[in-house]
Amino acid sequence: MCMHCGRLGCGRKNWDGSGGNNHAVDHGKDTGHSLVCKMGTITPDGKASIYCYKCDEDVLDSKLAEHMHRLGVKIAEQVKTEKTVTEMNLEANLNLTLSKVIEDGKELIP
């Protein structure tokens, strides 16, 4: 969700084809609205995955409840249903194995 105007759209295209159609990125380029919130990550205690496409960084919003209320979202009623970008990056890094080459279940000599 665009934190400026409330427009909903999917995130950037992933290089591996696992999701995204670039709608939020394109919206940011067209309007200058660079701050987005991954809606499924909002928690009632005021946390969420918020990203700035302009800075290319995750950002914190200490006034998330106030900003979401302005956009018609009551964070007290939200339930986290998705991983944050940070959680996804951590999981990918933990699952990454650079010390082995594996093919068809067999460990090969690098």
PDB file of N, CA and C in Angstrom:
ATOM      1  N   MET A   1       0.847  -1.169   0.000  1.00  0.00           N
ATOM      2  CA  MET A   1       0.000   0.000   0.000  1.00  0.00           C
ATOM      3  C   MET A   1       0.895   1.236   0.000  1.00  0.00           C
ATOM      4  N   CYS A   2       0.578   2.170  -0.847  1.00  0.00           N
ATOM      5  CA  CYS A   2       1.304   3.435  -0.895  1.00  0.00           C
ATOM      6  C   CYS A   2       0.993   4.219   0.383  1.00  0.00           C
ATOM      7  N   MET A   3       2.029   4.634   1.077  1.00  0.00           N
ATOM      8  CA  MET A   3       1.850   5.371   2.332  1.00  0.00           C
ATOM      9  C   MET A   3       1.449   6.825   2.092  1.00  0.00           C
ATOM     10  N   HIS A   4       1.485   7.273   0.855  1.00  0.00           N
ATOM     11  CA  HIS A   4       1.091   8.649   0.528  1.00  0.00           C
ATOM     12  C   HIS A   4      -0.399   8.740   0.199  1.00  0.00           C
ATOM     13  N   CYS A   5      -0.870   7.817  -0.666  1.00  0.00           N
ATOM     14  CA  CYS A   5      -2.251   7.940  -1.147  1.00  0.00           C
ATOM     15  C   CYS A   5      -3.121   6.715  -0.878  1.00  0.00           C
ATOM     16  N   GLY A   6      -2.530   5.622  -0.377  1.00  0.00           N
ATOM     17  CA  GLY A   6      -3.309   4.428  -0.064  1.00  0.00           C
ATOM     18  C   GLY A   6      -3.527   3.471  -1.217  1.00  0.00           C
ATOM     19  N   ARG A   7      -2.917   3.718  -2.359  1.00  0.00           N
ATOM     20  CA  ARG A   7      -3.095   2.825  -3.511  1.00  0.00           C
ATOM     21  C   ARG A   7      -2.502   1.463  -3.202  1.00  0.00           C
ATOM     22  N   LEU A   8      -3.269   0.419  -3.531  1.00  0.00           N
ATOM     23  CA  LEU A   8      -2.796  -0.949  -3.336  1.00  0.00           C
ATOM     24  C   LEU A   8      -2.197  -1.480  -4.630  1.00  0.00           C
ATOM     25  N   GLY A   9      -1.085  -2.156  -4.514  1.00  0.00           N
ATOM     26  CA  GLY A   9      -0.443  -2.766  -5.678  1.00  0.00           C
ATOM     27  C   GLY A   9       0.632  -3.719  -5.208  1.00  0.00           C
ATOM     28  N   CYS A  10       1.008  -4.646  -6.078  1.00  0.00           N
ATOM     29  CA  CYS A  10       2.045  -5.599  -5.697  1.00  0.00           C
ATOM     30  C   CYS A  10       3.424  -4.951  -5.811  1.00  0.00           C
ATOM     31  N   GLY A  11       4.395  -5.608  -5.227  1.00  0.00           N
ATOM     32  CA  GLY A  11       5.760  -5.090  -5.197  1.00  0.00           C
ATOM     33  C   GLY A  11       6.520  -5.333  -6.481  1.00  0.00           C
ATOM     34  N   ARG A  12       7.828  -5.125  -6.376  1.00  0.00           N
ATOM     35  CA  ARG A  12       8.685  -5.248  -7.553  1.00  0.00           C
ATOM     36  C   ARG A  12       8.767  -6.676  -8.048  1.00  0.00           C
ATOM     37  N   LYS A  13       9.089  -6.810  -9.327  1.00  0.00           N
ATOM     38  CA  LYS A  13       9.292  -8.133  -9.896  1.00  0.00           C
ATOM     39  C   LYS A  13      10.528  -8.744  -9.269  1.00  0.00           C
ATOM     40  N   ASN A  14      10.422 -10.002  -8.903  1.00  0.00           N
ATOM     41  CA  ASN A  14      11.566 -10.708  -8.340  1.00  0.00           C
ATOM     42  C   ASN A  14      12.349 -11.372  -9.455  1.00  0.00           C
ATOM     43  N   TRP A  15      13.650 -11.344  -9.342  1.00  0.00           N
ATOM     44  CA  TRP A  15      14.520 -11.894 -10.382  1.00  0.00           C
ATOM     45  C   TRP A  15      14.274 -13.381 -10.619  1.00  0.00           C
ATOM     46  N   ASP A  16      13.777 -14.083  -9.595  1.00  0.00           N
ATOM     47  CA  ASP A  16      13.562 -15.526  -9.729  1.00  0.00           C
ATOM     48  C   ASP A  16      12.138 -15.871 -10.151  1.00  0.00           C
ATOM     49  N   GLY A  17      11.318 -14.856 -10.431  1.00  0.00           N
ATOM     50  CA  GLY A  17       9.947 -15.107 -10.877  1.00  0.00           C
ATOM     51  C   GLY A  17       8.997 -15.487  -9.766  1.00  0.00           C
ATOM     52  N   SER A  18       9.396 -15.291  -8.509  1.00  0.00           N
ATOM     53  CA  SER A  18       8.573 -15.731  -7.382  1.00  0.00           C
ATOM     54  C   SER A  18       7.479 -14.743  -6.979  1.00  0.00           C
ATOM     55  N   GLY A  19       7.320 -13.668  -7.719  1.00  0.00           N
ATOM     56  CA  GLY A  19       6.228 -12.773  -7.369  1.00  0.00           C
ATOM     57  C   GLY A  19       6.455 -11.354  -7.836  1.00  0.00           C
ATOM     58  N   GLY A  20       5.432 -10.551  -7.656  1.00  0.00           N
ATOM     59  CA  GLY A  20       5.509  -9.131  -7.971  1.00  0.00           C
ATOM     60  C   GLY A  20       5.311  -8.831  -9.448  1.00  0.00           C
ATOM     61  N   ASN A  21       4.613  -7.743  -9.711  1.00  0.00           N
ATOM     62  CA  ASN A  21       4.398  -7.259 -11.075  1.00  0.00           C
ATOM     63  C   ASN A  21       4.864  -5.820 -11.244  1.00  0.00           C
ATOM     64  N   ASN A  22       5.552  -5.295 -10.224  1.00  0.00           N
ATOM     65  CA  ASN A  22       6.129  -3.955 -10.277  1.00  0.00           C
ATOM     66  C   ASN A  22       5.115  -2.820 -10.139  1.00  0.00           C
ATOM     67  N   HIS A  23       3.878  -3.111  -9.733  1.00  0.00           N
ATOM     68  CA  HIS A  23       2.860  -2.067  -9.652  1.00  0.00           C
ATOM     69  C   HIS A  23       3.245  -0.948  -8.689  1.00  0.00           C
ATOM     70  N   ALA A  24       3.770  -1.290  -7.502  1.00  0.00           N
ATOM     71  CA  ALA A  24       4.148  -0.262  -6.537  1.00  0.00           C
ATOM     72  C   ALA A  24       5.337   0.550  -7.037  1.00  0.00           C
ATOM     73  N   VAL A  25       6.289  -0.109  -7.678  1.00  0.00           N
ATOM     74  CA  VAL A  25       7.455   0.589  -8.228  1.00  0.00           C
ATOM     75  C   VAL A  25       7.014   1.560  -9.323  1.00  0.00           C
ATOM     76  N   ASP A  26       6.167   1.083 -10.230  1.00  0.00           N
ATOM     77  CA  ASP A  26       5.668   1.934 -11.317  1.00  0.00           C
ATOM     78  C   ASP A  26       4.867   3.117 -10.767  1.00  0.00           C
ATOM     79  N   HIS A  27       4.030   2.859  -9.749  1.00  0.00           N
ATOM     80  CA  HIS A  27       3.262   3.936  -9.115  1.00  0.00           C
ATOM     81  C   HIS A  27       4.212   4.982  -8.530  1.00  0.00           C
ATOM     82  N   GLY A  28       5.274   4.521  -7.885  1.00  0.00           N
ATOM     83  CA  GLY A  28       6.253   5.443  -7.314  1.00  0.00           C
ATOM     84  C   GLY A  28       6.935   6.292  -8.371  1.00  0.00           C
ATOM     85  N   LYS A  29       7.268   5.679  -9.499  1.00  0.00           N
ATOM     86  CA  LYS A  29       7.909   6.421 -10.592  1.00  0.00           C
ATOM     87  C   LYS A  29       6.951   7.448 -11.199  1.00  0.00           C
ATOM     88  N   ASP A  30       5.682   7.053 -11.344  1.00  0.00           N
ATOM     89  CA  ASP A  30       4.685   7.933 -11.965  1.00  0.00           C
ATOM     90  C   ASP A  30       4.287   9.110 -11.065  1.00  0.00           C
ATOM     91  N   THR A  31       4.272   8.882  -9.740  1.00  0.00           N
ATOM     92  CA  THR A  31       3.727   9.887  -8.829  1.00  0.00           C
ATOM     93  C   THR A  31       4.757  10.516  -7.885  1.00  0.00           C
ATOM     94  N   GLY A  32       5.910   9.873  -7.736  1.00  0.00           N
ATOM     95  CA  GLY A  32       6.882  10.326  -6.748  1.00  0.00           C
ATOM     96  C   GLY A  32       6.595   9.778  -5.360  1.00  0.00           C
ATOM     97  N   HIS A  33       5.578   8.931  -5.234  1.00  0.00           N
ATOM     98  CA  HIS A  33       5.241   8.309  -3.951  1.00  0.00           C
ATOM     99  C   HIS A  33       6.146   7.089  -3.766  1.00  0.00           C
ATOM    100  N   SER A  34       7.135   7.206  -2.923  1.00  0.00           N
ATOM    101  CA  SER A  34       8.141   6.147  -2.829  1.00  0.00           C
ATOM    102  C   SER A  34       8.012   5.252  -1.602  1.00  0.00           C
ATOM    103  N   LEU A  35       7.141   5.598  -0.661  1.00  0.00           N
ATOM    104  CA  LEU A  35       7.022   4.858   0.586  1.00  0.00           C
ATOM    105  C   LEU A  35       5.852   3.877   0.521  1.00  0.00           C
ATOM    106  N   VAL A  36       6.125   2.584   0.788  1.00  0.00           N
ATOM    107  CA  VAL A  36       5.083   1.560   0.726  1.00  0.00           C
ATOM    108  C   VAL A  36       5.101   0.696   1.982  1.00  0.00           C
ATOM    109  N   CYS A  37       3.945   0.117   2.282  1.00  0.00           N
ATOM    110  CA  CYS A  37       3.796  -0.781   3.418  1.00  0.00           C
ATOM    111  C   CYS A  37       3.320  -2.131   2.906  1.00  0.00           C
ATOM    112  N   LYS A  38       3.978  -3.204   3.327  1.00  0.00           N
ATOM    113  CA  LYS A  38       3.541  -4.559   2.997  1.00  0.00           C
ATOM    114  C   LYS A  38       2.406  -4.892   3.956  1.00  0.00           C
ATOM    115  N   MET A  39       1.183  -4.852   3.458  1.00  0.00           N
ATOM    116  CA  MET A  39      -0.010  -4.894   4.298  1.00  0.00           C
ATOM    117  C   MET A  39      -0.100  -6.109   5.214  1.00  0.00           C
ATOM    118  N   GLY A  40       0.307  -7.257   4.769  1.00  0.00           N
ATOM    119  CA  GLY A  40       0.206  -8.467   5.586  1.00  0.00           C
ATOM    120  C   GLY A  40       1.171  -8.512   6.748  1.00  0.00           C
ATOM    121  N   THR A  41       2.022  -7.483   6.872  1.00  0.00           N
ATOM    122  CA  THR A  41       3.003  -7.467   7.962  1.00  0.00           C
ATOM    123  C   THR A  41       2.618  -6.529   9.095  1.00  0.00           C
ATOM    124  N   ILE A  42       1.485  -5.847   8.983  1.00  0.00           N
ATOM    125  CA  ILE A  42       1.070  -4.909  10.036  1.00  0.00           C
ATOM    126  C   ILE A  42       0.644  -5.691  11.278  1.00  0.00           C
ATOM    127  N   THR A  43       1.179  -5.274  12.425  1.00  0.00           N
ATOM    128  CA  THR A  43       0.809  -5.897  13.690  1.00  0.00           C
ATOM    129  C   THR A  43       0.063  -4.875  14.547  1.00  0.00           C
ATOM    130  N   PRO A  44      -0.791  -5.338  15.464  1.00  0.00           N
ATOM    131  CA  PRO A  44      -1.543  -4.420  16.317  1.00  0.00           C
ATOM    132  C   PRO A  44      -0.658  -3.529  17.189  1.00  0.00           C
ATOM    133  N   ASP A  45       0.588  -3.951  17.430  1.00  0.00           N
ATOM    134  CA  ASP A  45       1.468  -3.139  18.270  1.00  0.00           C
ATOM    135  C   ASP A  45       2.234  -2.075  17.485  1.00  0.00           C
ATOM    136  N   GLY A  46       1.873  -1.880  16.224  1.00  0.00           N
ATOM    137  CA  GLY A  46       2.434  -0.763  15.461  1.00  0.00           C
ATOM    138  C   GLY A  46       3.694  -1.053  14.670  1.00  0.00           C
ATOM    139  N   LYS A  47       3.890  -2.290  14.287  1.00  0.00           N
ATOM    140  CA  LYS A  47       5.048  -2.643  13.465  1.00  0.00           C
ATOM    141  C   LYS A  47       4.572  -3.107  12.099  1.00  0.00           C
ATOM    142  N   ALA A  48       5.426  -2.894  11.102  1.00  0.00           N
ATOM    143  CA  ALA A  48       5.109  -3.334   9.742  1.00  0.00           C
ATOM    144  C   ALA A  48       6.365  -3.248   8.900  1.00  0.00           C
ATOM    145  N   SER A  49       6.344  -3.932   7.779  1.00  0.00           N
ATOM    146  CA  SER A  49       7.439  -3.841   6.816  1.00  0.00           C
ATOM    147  C   SER A  49       7.151  -2.651   5.912  1.00  0.00           C
ATOM    148  N   ILE A  50       7.946  -1.578   6.081  1.00  0.00           N
ATOM    149  CA  ILE A  50       7.774  -0.363   5.288  1.00  0.00           C
ATOM    150  C   ILE A  50       9.056  -0.154   4.498  1.00  0.00           C
ATOM    151  N   TYR A  51       8.889   0.161   3.225  1.00  0.00           N
ATOM    152  CA  TYR A  51      10.034   0.256   2.329  1.00  0.00           C
ATOM    153  C   TYR A  51       9.984   1.558   1.542  1.00  0.00           C
ATOM    154  N   CYS A  52      11.158   2.133   1.336  1.00  0.00           N
ATOM    155  CA  CYS A  52      11.271   3.340   0.529  1.00  0.00           C
ATOM    156  C   CYS A  52      11.974   2.979  -0.775  1.00  0.00           C
ATOM    157  N   TYR A  53      11.247   3.055  -1.884  1.00  0.00           N
ATOM    158  CA  TYR A  53      11.845   2.758  -3.190  1.00  0.00           C
ATOM    159  C   TYR A  53      12.867   3.817  -3.586  1.00  0.00           C
ATOM    160  N   LYS A  54      12.687   5.037  -3.149  1.00  0.00           N
ATOM    161  CA  LYS A  54      13.627   6.111  -3.467  1.00  0.00           C
ATOM    162  C   LYS A  54      14.983   5.855  -2.798  1.00  0.00           C
ATOM    163  N   CYS A  55      14.948   5.475  -1.522  1.00  0.00           N
ATOM    164  CA  CYS A  55      16.174   5.200  -0.759  1.00  0.00           C
ATOM    165  C   CYS A  55      16.674   3.775  -0.957  1.00  0.00           C
ATOM    166  N   ASP A  56      15.782   2.897  -1.434  1.00  0.00           N
ATOM    167  CA  ASP A  56      16.057   1.469  -1.582  1.00  0.00           C
ATOM    168  C   ASP A  56      16.429   0.855  -0.229  1.00  0.00           C
ATOM    169  N   GLU A  57      15.629   1.197   0.789  1.00  0.00           N
ATOM    170  CA  GLU A  57      15.888   0.757   2.164  1.00  0.00           C
ATOM    171  C   GLU A  57      14.579   0.482   2.901  1.00  0.00           C
ATOM    172  N   ASP A  58      14.647  -0.438   3.875  1.00  0.00           N
ATOM    173  CA  ASP A  58      13.558  -0.578   4.837  1.00  0.00           C
ATOM    174  C   ASP A  58      13.596   0.650   5.740  1.00  0.00           C
ATOM    175  N   VAL A  59      12.430   1.119   6.159  1.00  0.00           N
ATOM    176  CA  VAL A  59      12.364   2.269   7.056  1.00  0.00           C
ATOM    177  C   VAL A  59      11.420   1.968   8.219  1.00  0.00           C
ATOM    178  N   LEU A  60      11.611   2.687   9.315  1.00  0.00           N
ATOM    179  CA  LEU A  60      10.728   2.568  10.472  1.00  0.00           C
ATOM    180  C   LEU A  60       9.754   3.729  10.480  1.00  0.00           C
ATOM    181  N   ASP A  61       8.540   3.474  10.923  1.00  0.00           N
ATOM    182  CA  ASP A  61       7.539   4.530  11.055  1.00  0.00           C
ATOM    183  C   ASP A  61       7.055   4.518  12.497  1.00  0.00           C
ATOM    184  N   SER A  62       7.571   5.431  13.293  1.00  0.00           N
ATOM    185  CA  SER A  62       7.198   5.487  14.710  1.00  0.00           C
ATOM    186  C   SER A  62       5.749   5.933  14.904  1.00  0.00           C
ATOM    187  N   LYS A  63       5.124   6.462  13.860  1.00  0.00           N
ATOM    188  CA  LYS A  63       3.733   6.905  13.936  1.00  0.00           C
ATOM    189  C   LYS A  63       2.864   6.090  12.977  1.00  0.00           C
ATOM    190  N   LEU A  64       3.161   4.794  12.880  1.00  0.00           N
ATOM    191  CA  LEU A  64       2.449   3.928  11.933  1.00  0.00           C
ATOM    192  C   LEU A  64       0.939   3.948  12.159  1.00  0.00           C
ATOM    193  N   ALA A  65       0.501   3.838  13.415  1.00  0.00           N
ATOM    194  CA  ALA A  65      -0.937   3.818  13.703  1.00  0.00           C
ATOM    195  C   ALA A  65      -1.621   5.082  13.183  1.00  0.00           C
ATOM    196  N   GLU A  66      -0.984   6.217  13.409  1.00  0.00           N
ATOM    197  CA  GLU A  66      -1.537   7.503  12.948  1.00  0.00           C
ATOM    198  C   GLU A  66      -1.584   7.563  11.417  1.00  0.00           C
ATOM    199  N   HIS A  67      -0.521   7.154  10.780  1.00  0.00           N
ATOM    200  CA  HIS A  67      -0.471   7.204   9.315  1.00  0.00           C
ATOM    201  C   HIS A  67      -1.447   6.220   8.673  1.00  0.00           C
ATOM    202  N   MET A  68      -1.563   5.032   9.242  1.00  0.00           N
ATOM    203  CA  MET A  68      -2.505   4.043   8.706  1.00  0.00           C
ATOM    204  C   MET A  68      -3.949   4.487   8.934  1.00  0.00           C
ATOM    205  N   HIS A  69      -4.220   5.105  10.084  1.00  0.00           N
ATOM    206  CA  HIS A  69      -5.570   5.601  10.366  1.00  0.00           C
ATOM    207  C   HIS A  69      -5.990   6.631   9.314  1.00  0.00           C
ATOM    208  N   ARG A  70      -5.053   7.490   8.910  1.00  0.00           N
ATOM    209  CA  ARG A  70      -5.329   8.500   7.875  1.00  0.00           C
ATOM    210  C   ARG A  70      -5.716   7.827   6.559  1.00  0.00           C
ATOM    211  N   LEU A  71      -5.173   6.616   6.334  1.00  0.00           N
ATOM    212  CA  LEU A  71      -5.479   5.873   5.102  1.00  0.00           C
ATOM    213  C   LEU A  71      -6.644   4.906   5.287  1.00  0.00           C
ATOM    214  N   GLY A  72      -7.275   4.931   6.463  1.00  0.00           N
ATOM    215  CA  GLY A  72      -8.448   4.095   6.708  1.00  0.00           C
ATOM    216  C   GLY A  72      -8.138   2.714   7.242  1.00  0.00           C
ATOM    217  N   VAL A  73      -6.929   2.493   7.725  1.00  0.00           N
ATOM    218  CA  VAL A  73      -6.544   1.185   8.256  1.00  0.00           C
ATOM    219  C   VAL A  73      -6.408   1.291   9.768  1.00  0.00           C
ATOM    220  N   LYS A  74      -7.135   0.432  10.482  1.00  0.00           N
ATOM    221  CA  LYS A  74      -7.062   0.396  11.937  1.00  0.00           C
ATOM    222  C   LYS A  74      -6.085  -0.714  12.327  1.00  0.00           C
ATOM    223  N   ILE A  75      -4.888  -0.321  12.769  1.00  0.00           N
ATOM    224  CA  ILE A  75      -3.874  -1.349  13.021  1.00  0.00           C
ATOM    225  C   ILE A  75      -4.227  -2.256  14.193  1.00  0.00           C
ATOM    226  N   ALA A  76      -5.040  -1.795  15.121  1.00  0.00           N
ATOM    227  CA  ALA A  76      -5.442  -2.635  16.256  1.00  0.00           C
ATOM    228  C   ALA A  76      -6.209  -3.865  15.788  1.00  0.00           C
ATOM    229  N   GLU A  77      -6.781  -3.822  14.597  1.00  0.00           N
ATOM    230  CA  GLU A  77      -7.562  -4.935  14.059  1.00  0.00           C
ATOM    231  C   GLU A  77      -6.755  -5.819  13.104  1.00  0.00           C
ATOM    232  N   GLN A  78      -5.487  -5.473  12.889  1.00  0.00           N
ATOM    233  CA  GLN A  78      -4.673  -6.199  11.911  1.00  0.00           C
ATOM    234  C   GLN A  78      -4.076  -7.465  12.511  1.00  0.00           C
ATOM    235  N   VAL A  79      -3.918  -8.467  11.655  1.00  0.00           N
ATOM    236  CA  VAL A  79      -3.269  -9.718  12.025  1.00  0.00           C
ATOM    237  C   VAL A  79      -2.151  -9.945  11.018  1.00  0.00           C
ATOM    238  N   LYS A  80      -0.956 -10.184  11.509  1.00  0.00           N
ATOM    239  CA  LYS A  80       0.187 -10.402  10.626  1.00  0.00           C
ATOM    240  C   LYS A  80       0.012 -11.738   9.906  1.00  0.00           C
ATOM    241  N   THR A  81       0.041 -11.694   8.580  1.00  0.00           N
ATOM    242  CA  THR A  81      -0.159 -12.901   7.773  1.00  0.00           C
ATOM    243  C   THR A  81       1.016 -13.195   6.850  1.00  0.00           C
ATOM    244  N   GLU A  82       1.971 -12.265   6.759  1.00  0.00           N
ATOM    245  CA  GLU A  82       3.105 -12.437   5.855  1.00  0.00           C
ATOM    246  C   GLU A  82       4.404 -12.122   6.564  1.00  0.00           C
ATOM    247  N   LYS A  83       5.499 -12.629   5.995  1.00  0.00           N
ATOM    248  CA  LYS A  83       6.821 -12.327   6.518  1.00  0.00           C
ATOM    249  C   LYS A  83       7.232 -10.936   6.075  1.00  0.00           C
ATOM    250  N   THR A  84       7.980 -10.259   6.943  1.00  0.00           N
ATOM    251  CA  THR A  84       8.541  -8.970   6.554  1.00  0.00           C
ATOM    252  C   THR A  84       9.687  -9.224   5.572  1.00  0.00           C
ATOM    253  N   VAL A  85      10.121  -8.187   4.883  1.00  0.00           N
ATOM    254  CA  VAL A  85      11.244  -8.310   3.956  1.00  0.00           C
ATOM    255  C   VAL A  85      12.490  -8.760   4.726  1.00  0.00           C
ATOM    256  N   THR A  86      12.690  -8.235   5.913  1.00  0.00           N
ATOM    257  CA  THR A  86      13.835  -8.624   6.739  1.00  0.00           C
ATOM    258  C   THR A  86      13.771 -10.106   7.088  1.00  0.00           C
ATOM    259  N   GLU A  87      12.591 -10.597   7.460  1.00  0.00           N
ATOM    260  CA  GLU A  87      12.429 -12.022   7.779  1.00  0.00           C
ATOM    261  C   GLU A  87      12.696 -12.890   6.553  1.00  0.00           C
ATOM    262  N   MET A  88      12.231 -12.460   5.380  1.00  0.00           N
ATOM    263  CA  MET A  88      12.472 -13.228   4.157  1.00  0.00           C
ATOM    264  C   MET A  88      13.953 -13.246   3.807  1.00  0.00           C
ATOM    265  N   ASN A  89      14.648 -12.106   3.967  1.00  0.00           N
ATOM    266  CA  ASN A  89      16.081 -12.057   3.683  1.00  0.00           C
ATOM    267  C   ASN A  89      16.863 -12.955   4.635  1.00  0.00           C
ATOM    268  N   LEU A  90      16.512 -12.930   5.912  1.00  0.00           N
ATOM    269  CA  LEU A  90      17.183 -13.779   6.892  1.00  0.00           C
ATOM    270  C   LEU A  90      16.986 -15.248   6.551  1.00  0.00           C
ATOM    271  N   GLU A  91      15.759 -15.621   6.230  1.00  0.00           N
ATOM    272  CA  GLU A  91      15.474 -17.012   5.874  1.00  0.00           C
ATOM    273  C   GLU A  91      16.258 -17.446   4.640  1.00  0.00           C
ATOM    274  N   ALA A  92      16.312 -16.579   3.631  1.00  0.00           N
ATOM    275  CA  ALA A  92      17.060 -16.897   2.412  1.00  0.00           C
ATOM    276  C   ALA A  92      18.549 -17.064   2.721  1.00  0.00           C
ATOM    277  N   ASN A  93      19.092 -16.199   3.570  1.00  0.00           N
ATOM    278  CA  ASN A  93      20.506 -16.296   3.931  1.00  0.00           C
ATOM    279  C   ASN A  93      20.807 -17.557   4.734  1.00  0.00           C
ATOM    280  N   LEU A  94      19.901 -17.943   5.629  1.00  0.00           N
ATOM    281  CA  LEU A  94      20.101 -19.153   6.417  1.00  0.00           C
ATOM    282  C   LEU A  94      20.036 -20.404   5.550  1.00  0.00           C
ATOM    283  N   ASN A  95      19.234 -20.358   4.492  1.00  0.00           N
ATOM    284  CA  ASN A  95      19.075 -21.516   3.610  1.00  0.00           C
ATOM    285  C   ASN A  95      20.100 -21.567   2.489  1.00  0.00           C
ATOM    286  N   LEU A  96      20.893 -20.522   2.344  1.00  0.00           N
ATOM    287  CA  LEU A  96      21.878 -20.444   1.274  1.00  0.00           C
ATOM    288  C   LEU A  96      23.109 -21.275   1.641  1.00  0.00           C
ATOM    289  N   THR A  97      23.478 -22.193   0.775  1.00  0.00           N
ATOM    290  CA  THR A  97      24.648 -23.021   1.007  1.00  0.00           C
ATOM    291  C   THR A  97      25.626 -22.802  -0.127  1.00  0.00           C
ATOM    292  N   LEU A  98      26.700 -22.086   0.174  1.00  0.00           N
ATOM    293  CA  LEU A  98      27.704 -21.809  -0.844  1.00  0.00           C
ATOM    294  C   LEU A  98      28.856 -22.801  -0.794  1.00  0.00           C
ATOM    295  N   SER A  99      28.914 -23.623   0.246  1.00  0.00           N
ATOM    296  CA  SER A  99      30.040 -24.521   0.404  1.00  0.00           C
ATOM    297  C   SER A  99      29.867 -25.844  -0.330  1.00  0.00           C
ATOM    298  N   LYS A 100      28.697 -26.100  -0.900  1.00  0.00           N
ATOM    299  CA  LYS A 100      28.440 -27.364  -1.576  1.00  0.00           C
ATOM    300  C   LYS A 100      27.858 -27.114  -2.962  1.00  0.00           C
ATOM    301  N   VAL A 101      28.128 -28.055  -3.835  1.00  0.00           N
ATOM    302  CA  VAL A 101      27.461 -28.080  -5.119  1.00  0.00           C
ATOM    303  C   VAL A 101      26.658 -29.369  -5.128  1.00  0.00           C
ATOM    304  N   ILE A 102      25.346 -29.263  -5.292  1.00  0.00           N
ATOM    305  CA  ILE A 102      24.482 -30.442  -5.214  1.00  0.00           C
ATOM    306  C   ILE A 102      23.683 -30.557  -6.503  1.00  0.00           C
ATOM    307  N   GLU A 103      23.647 -31.759  -7.041  1.00  0.00           N
ATOM    308  CA  GLU A 103      22.868 -32.000  -8.256  1.00  0.00           C
ATOM    309  C   GLU A 103      22.220 -33.367  -8.119  1.00  0.00           C
ATOM    310  N   ASP A 104      20.921 -33.437  -8.339  1.00  0.00           N
ATOM    311  CA  ASP A 104      20.178 -34.686  -8.253  1.00  0.00           C
ATOM    312  C   ASP A 104      20.425 -35.420  -6.940  1.00  0.00           C
ATOM    313  N   GLY A 105      20.516 -34.663  -5.837  1.00  0.00           N
ATOM    314  CA  GLY A 105      20.681 -35.292  -4.524  1.00  0.00           C
ATOM    315  C   GLY A 105      22.092 -35.759  -4.221  1.00  0.00           C
ATOM    316  N   LYS A 106      23.042 -35.549  -5.129  1.00  0.00           N
ATOM    317  CA  LYS A 106      24.425 -35.979  -4.914  1.00  0.00           C
ATOM    318  C   LYS A 106      25.305 -34.762  -4.666  1.00  0.00           C
ATOM    319  N   GLU A 107      26.175 -34.881  -3.678  1.00  0.00           N
ATOM    320  CA  GLU A 107      27.115 -33.791  -3.415  1.00  0.00           C
ATOM    321  C   GLU A 107      28.294 -33.937  -4.363  1.00  0.00           C
ATOM    322  N   LEU A 108      28.575 -32.878  -5.103  1.00  0.00           N
ATOM    323  CA  LEU A 108      29.651 -32.889  -6.080  1.00  0.00           C
ATOM    324  C   LEU A 108      30.863 -32.145  -5.543  1.00  0.00           C
ATOM    325  N   ILE A 109      32.005 -32.443  -6.062  1.00  0.00           N
ATOM    326  CA  ILE A 109      33.212 -31.729  -5.658  1.00  0.00           C
ATOM    327  C   ILE A 109      33.258 -30.412  -6.405  1.00  0.00           C
ATOM    328  N   PRO A 110      33.353 -29.294  -5.652  1.00  0.00           N
ATOM    329  CA  PRO A 110      33.361 -27.982  -6.337  1.00  0.00           C
ATOM    330  C   PRO A 110      34.604 -27.798  -7.203  1.00  0.00           C
TER     331      PRO A 110
END
